[in-house]
């Protein structure tokens, strides 16, 4: 593991620590690529949040949609290219 990878994990763990200290509601999900357990904030009831993020373990690009205590995740393999294009 190089220094960049270590720093990314340290930053993620720091964010988790601060979120837990602040009482932030978190929801667990698994990275669709490496299957590591990850946590993200829950959306308030009646709201839907969507975001792109990177897995701090494998760096996979993930698209997340959070609605209350439910989350849907999708692994993004390419951007800006239609599926049927070569």
N, C-alpha and C. Protein backbone atom coordinates (compact mmCIF):
# COMPACT_ATOMS: atom_id res chain seq x y z
N UNK A 1 0.85 -1.17 0.00
CA UNK A 1 0.00 0.00 0.00
C UNK A 1 0.90 1.24 0.00
N UNK A 2 0.67 2.13 -0.96
CA UNK A 2 1.50 3.33 -1.03
C UNK A 2 0.95 4.42 -0.10
N UNK A 3 1.67 5.52 0.00
CA UNK A 3 1.28 6.60 0.92
C UNK A 3 -0.06 7.22 0.55
N UNK A 4 -0.34 7.35 -0.76
CA UNK A 4 -1.62 7.91 -1.19
C UNK A 4 -2.77 7.03 -0.72
N UNK A 5 -2.64 5.72 -0.87
CA UNK A 5 -3.68 4.80 -0.45
C UNK A 5 -3.87 4.83 1.06
N UNK A 6 -2.77 4.90 1.80
CA UNK A 6 -2.85 4.99 3.26
C UNK A 6 -3.56 6.27 3.69
N UNK A 7 -3.22 7.38 3.06
CA UNK A 7 -3.83 8.66 3.40
C UNK A 7 -5.32 8.66 3.11
N UNK A 8 -5.73 8.04 2.01
CA UNK A 8 -7.15 7.95 1.66
C UNK A 8 -7.91 7.19 2.74
N UNK A 9 -7.36 6.09 3.23
CA UNK A 9 -8.01 5.32 4.29
C UNK A 9 -8.03 6.08 5.60
N UNK A 10 -6.96 6.80 5.90
CA UNK A 10 -6.91 7.61 7.12
C UNK A 10 -7.99 8.68 7.07
N UNK A 11 -8.14 9.34 5.93
CA UNK A 11 -9.16 10.39 5.78
C UNK A 11 -10.57 9.80 5.93
N UNK A 12 -10.82 8.63 5.37
CA UNK A 12 -12.13 7.99 5.50
C UNK A 12 -12.40 7.65 6.96
N UNK A 13 -11.43 7.07 7.63
CA UNK A 13 -11.60 6.71 9.04
C UNK A 13 -11.76 7.94 9.92
N UNK A 14 -11.08 9.02 9.58
CA UNK A 14 -11.24 10.28 10.31
C UNK A 14 -12.66 10.82 10.12
N UNK A 15 -13.16 10.77 8.90
CA UNK A 15 -14.53 11.20 8.63
C UNK A 15 -15.52 10.37 9.44
N UNK A 16 -15.34 9.03 9.47
CA UNK A 16 -16.22 8.16 10.24
C UNK A 16 -16.19 8.51 11.72
N UNK A 17 -15.00 8.72 12.25
CA UNK A 17 -14.84 9.05 13.66
C UNK A 17 -15.58 10.34 13.99
N UNK A 18 -15.41 11.37 13.17
CA UNK A 18 -16.07 12.65 13.42
C UNK A 18 -17.59 12.53 13.26
N UNK A 19 -18.04 11.76 12.29
CA UNK A 19 -19.47 11.57 12.10
C UNK A 19 -20.09 10.88 13.32
N UNK A 20 -19.41 9.87 13.84
CA UNK A 20 -19.92 9.17 15.01
C UNK A 20 -19.90 10.07 16.24
N UNK A 21 -18.86 10.87 16.41
CA UNK A 21 -18.79 11.81 17.53
C UNK A 21 -19.93 12.81 17.47
N UNK A 22 -20.31 13.24 16.27
CA UNK A 22 -21.37 14.23 16.09
C UNK A 22 -22.77 13.62 16.10
N UNK A 23 -22.84 12.31 16.22
CA UNK A 23 -24.15 11.65 16.23
C UNK A 23 -24.81 11.57 14.87
N UNK A 24 -24.02 11.67 13.81
CA UNK A 24 -24.55 11.59 12.45
C UNK A 24 -25.10 10.19 12.19
N UNK A 25 -26.30 10.12 11.66
CA UNK A 25 -26.89 8.82 11.32
C UNK A 25 -26.21 8.28 10.07
N UNK A 26 -25.71 7.06 10.18
CA UNK A 26 -24.99 6.42 9.07
C UNK A 26 -25.71 5.16 8.64
N UNK A 27 -25.49 4.80 7.39
CA UNK A 27 -26.06 3.58 6.83
C UNK A 27 -24.93 2.80 6.16
N UNK A 28 -24.94 1.49 6.32
CA UNK A 28 -23.89 0.63 5.78
C UNK A 28 -24.28 0.10 4.40
N UNK A 29 -23.27 -0.08 3.58
CA UNK A 29 -23.43 -0.73 2.28
C UNK A 29 -22.09 -1.34 1.91
N UNK A 30 -22.08 -2.17 0.91
CA UNK A 30 -20.84 -2.80 0.45
C UNK A 30 -20.43 -2.21 -0.89
N UNK A 31 -19.13 -1.99 -1.04
CA UNK A 31 -18.61 -1.57 -2.33
C UNK A 31 -18.96 -2.66 -3.35
N UNK A 32 -19.55 -2.30 -4.48
CA UNK A 32 -19.92 -3.31 -5.47
C UNK A 32 -18.72 -3.97 -6.15
N UNK A 33 -17.52 -3.41 -5.99
CA UNK A 33 -16.35 -3.99 -6.61
C UNK A 33 -15.57 -4.88 -5.63
N UNK A 34 -15.14 -4.31 -4.50
CA UNK A 34 -14.29 -5.08 -3.57
C UNK A 34 -15.07 -5.66 -2.40
N UNK A 35 -16.35 -5.28 -2.26
CA UNK A 35 -17.26 -5.78 -1.24
C UNK A 35 -16.91 -5.34 0.18
N UNK A 36 -16.00 -4.37 0.33
CA UNK A 36 -15.72 -3.82 1.66
C UNK A 36 -16.95 -3.11 2.19
N UNK A 37 -17.15 -3.22 3.51
CA UNK A 37 -18.26 -2.51 4.15
C UNK A 37 -17.91 -1.03 4.24
N UNK A 38 -18.83 -0.18 3.76
CA UNK A 38 -18.66 1.27 3.80
C UNK A 38 -19.85 1.88 4.52
N UNK A 39 -19.69 3.10 4.97
CA UNK A 39 -20.77 3.83 5.63
C UNK A 39 -20.94 5.18 4.96
N UNK A 40 -22.18 5.65 4.93
CA UNK A 40 -22.49 6.97 4.41
C UNK A 40 -23.62 7.55 5.24
N UNK A 41 -23.85 8.84 5.11
CA UNK A 41 -24.92 9.47 5.88
C UNK A 41 -26.28 9.10 5.33
N UNK A 42 -27.26 9.02 6.22
CA UNK A 42 -28.63 8.76 5.79
C UNK A 42 -29.26 10.07 5.34
N UNK A 43 -30.19 9.96 4.43
CA UNK A 43 -30.93 11.14 3.97
C UNK A 43 -32.12 11.35 4.91
N UNK A 44 -32.50 12.58 5.14
CA UNK A 44 -33.69 12.83 5.96
C UNK A 44 -34.92 12.19 5.30
N UNK A 45 -35.88 11.80 6.14
CA UNK A 45 -37.11 11.20 5.61
C UNK A 45 -37.73 12.11 4.57
N UNK A 46 -38.15 11.52 3.47
CA UNK A 46 -38.79 12.27 2.40
C UNK A 46 -37.82 12.87 1.40
N UNK A 47 -36.53 12.74 1.66
CA UNK A 47 -35.52 13.27 0.74
C UNK A 47 -34.77 12.14 0.06
N UNK A 48 -34.25 12.44 -1.10
CA UNK A 48 -33.44 11.50 -1.86
C UNK A 48 -32.12 12.19 -2.20
N UNK A 49 -31.01 11.59 -1.81
CA UNK A 49 -29.70 12.15 -2.11
C UNK A 49 -28.99 11.24 -3.09
N UNK A 50 -28.34 11.83 -4.08
CA UNK A 50 -27.53 11.03 -4.99
C UNK A 50 -26.14 11.66 -5.09
N UNK A 51 -25.16 10.81 -5.26
CA UNK A 51 -23.79 11.29 -5.33
C UNK A 51 -22.88 10.24 -5.95
N UNK A 52 -21.79 10.72 -6.50
CA UNK A 52 -20.70 9.85 -6.92
C UNK A 52 -19.66 9.86 -5.81
N UNK A 53 -19.04 8.72 -5.57
CA UNK A 53 -17.95 8.67 -4.60
C UNK A 53 -16.99 7.57 -5.03
N UNK A 54 -15.85 7.56 -4.39
CA UNK A 54 -14.85 6.52 -4.63
C UNK A 54 -14.72 5.66 -3.39
N UNK A 55 -14.60 4.37 -3.59
CA UNK A 55 -14.34 3.46 -2.47
C UNK A 55 -12.96 3.78 -1.92
N UNK A 56 -12.85 3.99 -0.60
CA UNK A 56 -11.54 4.29 -0.04
C UNK A 56 -10.60 3.10 -0.03
N UNK A 57 -11.12 1.91 -0.28
CA UNK A 57 -10.29 0.71 -0.28
C UNK A 57 -9.76 0.35 -1.67
N UNK A 58 -10.66 0.34 -2.68
CA UNK A 58 -10.22 -0.08 -4.02
C UNK A 58 -10.28 1.05 -5.05
N UNK A 59 -10.77 2.22 -4.67
CA UNK A 59 -10.88 3.40 -5.52
C UNK A 59 -11.94 3.29 -6.61
N UNK A 60 -12.80 2.30 -6.56
CA UNK A 60 -13.87 2.16 -7.55
C UNK A 60 -14.79 3.38 -7.51
N UNK A 61 -15.29 3.78 -8.67
CA UNK A 61 -16.26 4.86 -8.76
C UNK A 61 -17.65 4.28 -8.52
N UNK A 62 -18.35 4.87 -7.56
CA UNK A 62 -19.66 4.36 -7.14
C UNK A 62 -20.69 5.48 -7.26
N UNK A 63 -21.87 5.13 -7.75
CA UNK A 63 -23.00 6.05 -7.76
C UNK A 63 -23.96 5.58 -6.67
N UNK A 64 -24.31 6.49 -5.75
CA UNK A 64 -25.17 6.13 -4.62
C UNK A 64 -26.44 6.97 -4.65
N UNK A 65 -27.56 6.32 -4.33
CA UNK A 65 -28.82 7.02 -4.10
C UNK A 65 -29.29 6.59 -2.72
N UNK A 66 -29.42 7.59 -1.82
CA UNK A 66 -29.84 7.33 -0.45
C UNK A 66 -31.20 7.95 -0.23
N UNK A 67 -32.13 7.14 0.26
CA UNK A 67 -33.48 7.61 0.60
C UNK A 67 -33.77 7.12 2.01
N UNK A 68 -33.74 8.05 2.97
CA UNK A 68 -33.92 7.66 4.37
C UNK A 68 -32.86 6.65 4.77
N UNK A 69 -33.30 5.48 5.22
CA UNK A 69 -32.37 4.44 5.67
C UNK A 69 -32.09 3.39 4.60
N UNK A 70 -32.43 3.68 3.35
CA UNK A 70 -32.14 2.73 2.27
C UNK A 70 -31.12 3.35 1.32
N UNK A 71 -30.33 2.49 0.73
CA UNK A 71 -29.31 2.96 -0.20
C UNK A 71 -29.21 1.99 -1.37
N UNK A 72 -29.05 2.55 -2.55
CA UNK A 72 -28.81 1.76 -3.76
C UNK A 72 -27.46 2.21 -4.31
N UNK A 73 -26.62 1.26 -4.65
CA UNK A 73 -25.30 1.60 -5.17
C UNK A 73 -25.08 0.92 -6.51
N UNK A 74 -24.30 1.60 -7.34
CA UNK A 74 -23.98 1.07 -8.67
C UNK A 74 -22.52 1.34 -8.96
N UNK A 75 -21.83 0.34 -9.46
CA UNK A 75 -20.44 0.48 -9.88
C UNK A 75 -20.42 1.16 -11.25
N UNK A 76 -19.67 2.24 -11.38
CA UNK A 76 -19.56 2.96 -12.64
C UNK A 76 -18.28 2.51 -13.33
N UNK A 77 -18.43 1.94 -14.51
CA UNK A 77 -17.28 1.43 -15.25
C UNK A 77 -16.79 2.38 -16.32
N UNK A 78 -17.68 3.24 -16.80
CA UNK A 78 -17.26 4.23 -17.79
C UNK A 78 -18.19 5.43 -17.71
N UNK A 79 -17.67 6.59 -18.10
CA UNK A 79 -18.45 7.82 -18.08
C UNK A 79 -18.38 8.46 -19.46
N UNK A 80 -19.53 8.93 -19.94
CA UNK A 80 -19.56 9.63 -21.20
C UNK A 80 -19.56 8.74 -22.42
N UNK A 81 -19.79 7.47 -22.24
CA UNK A 81 -19.81 6.55 -23.36
C UNK A 81 -21.06 5.68 -23.24
N UNK A 82 -21.86 5.65 -24.29
CA UNK A 82 -23.04 4.81 -24.28
C UNK A 82 -22.62 3.34 -24.29
N UNK A 83 -23.45 2.49 -23.72
CA UNK A 83 -23.10 1.08 -23.60
C UNK A 83 -22.86 0.40 -24.93
N UNK A 84 -23.56 0.79 -25.99
CA UNK A 84 -23.40 0.14 -27.29
C UNK A 84 -22.31 0.74 -28.15
N UNK A 85 -21.64 1.81 -27.67
CA UNK A 85 -20.56 2.41 -28.45
C UNK A 85 -19.29 1.59 -28.31
N UNK A 86 -18.45 1.63 -29.33
CA UNK A 86 -17.15 0.93 -29.28
C UNK A 86 -16.07 1.85 -28.80
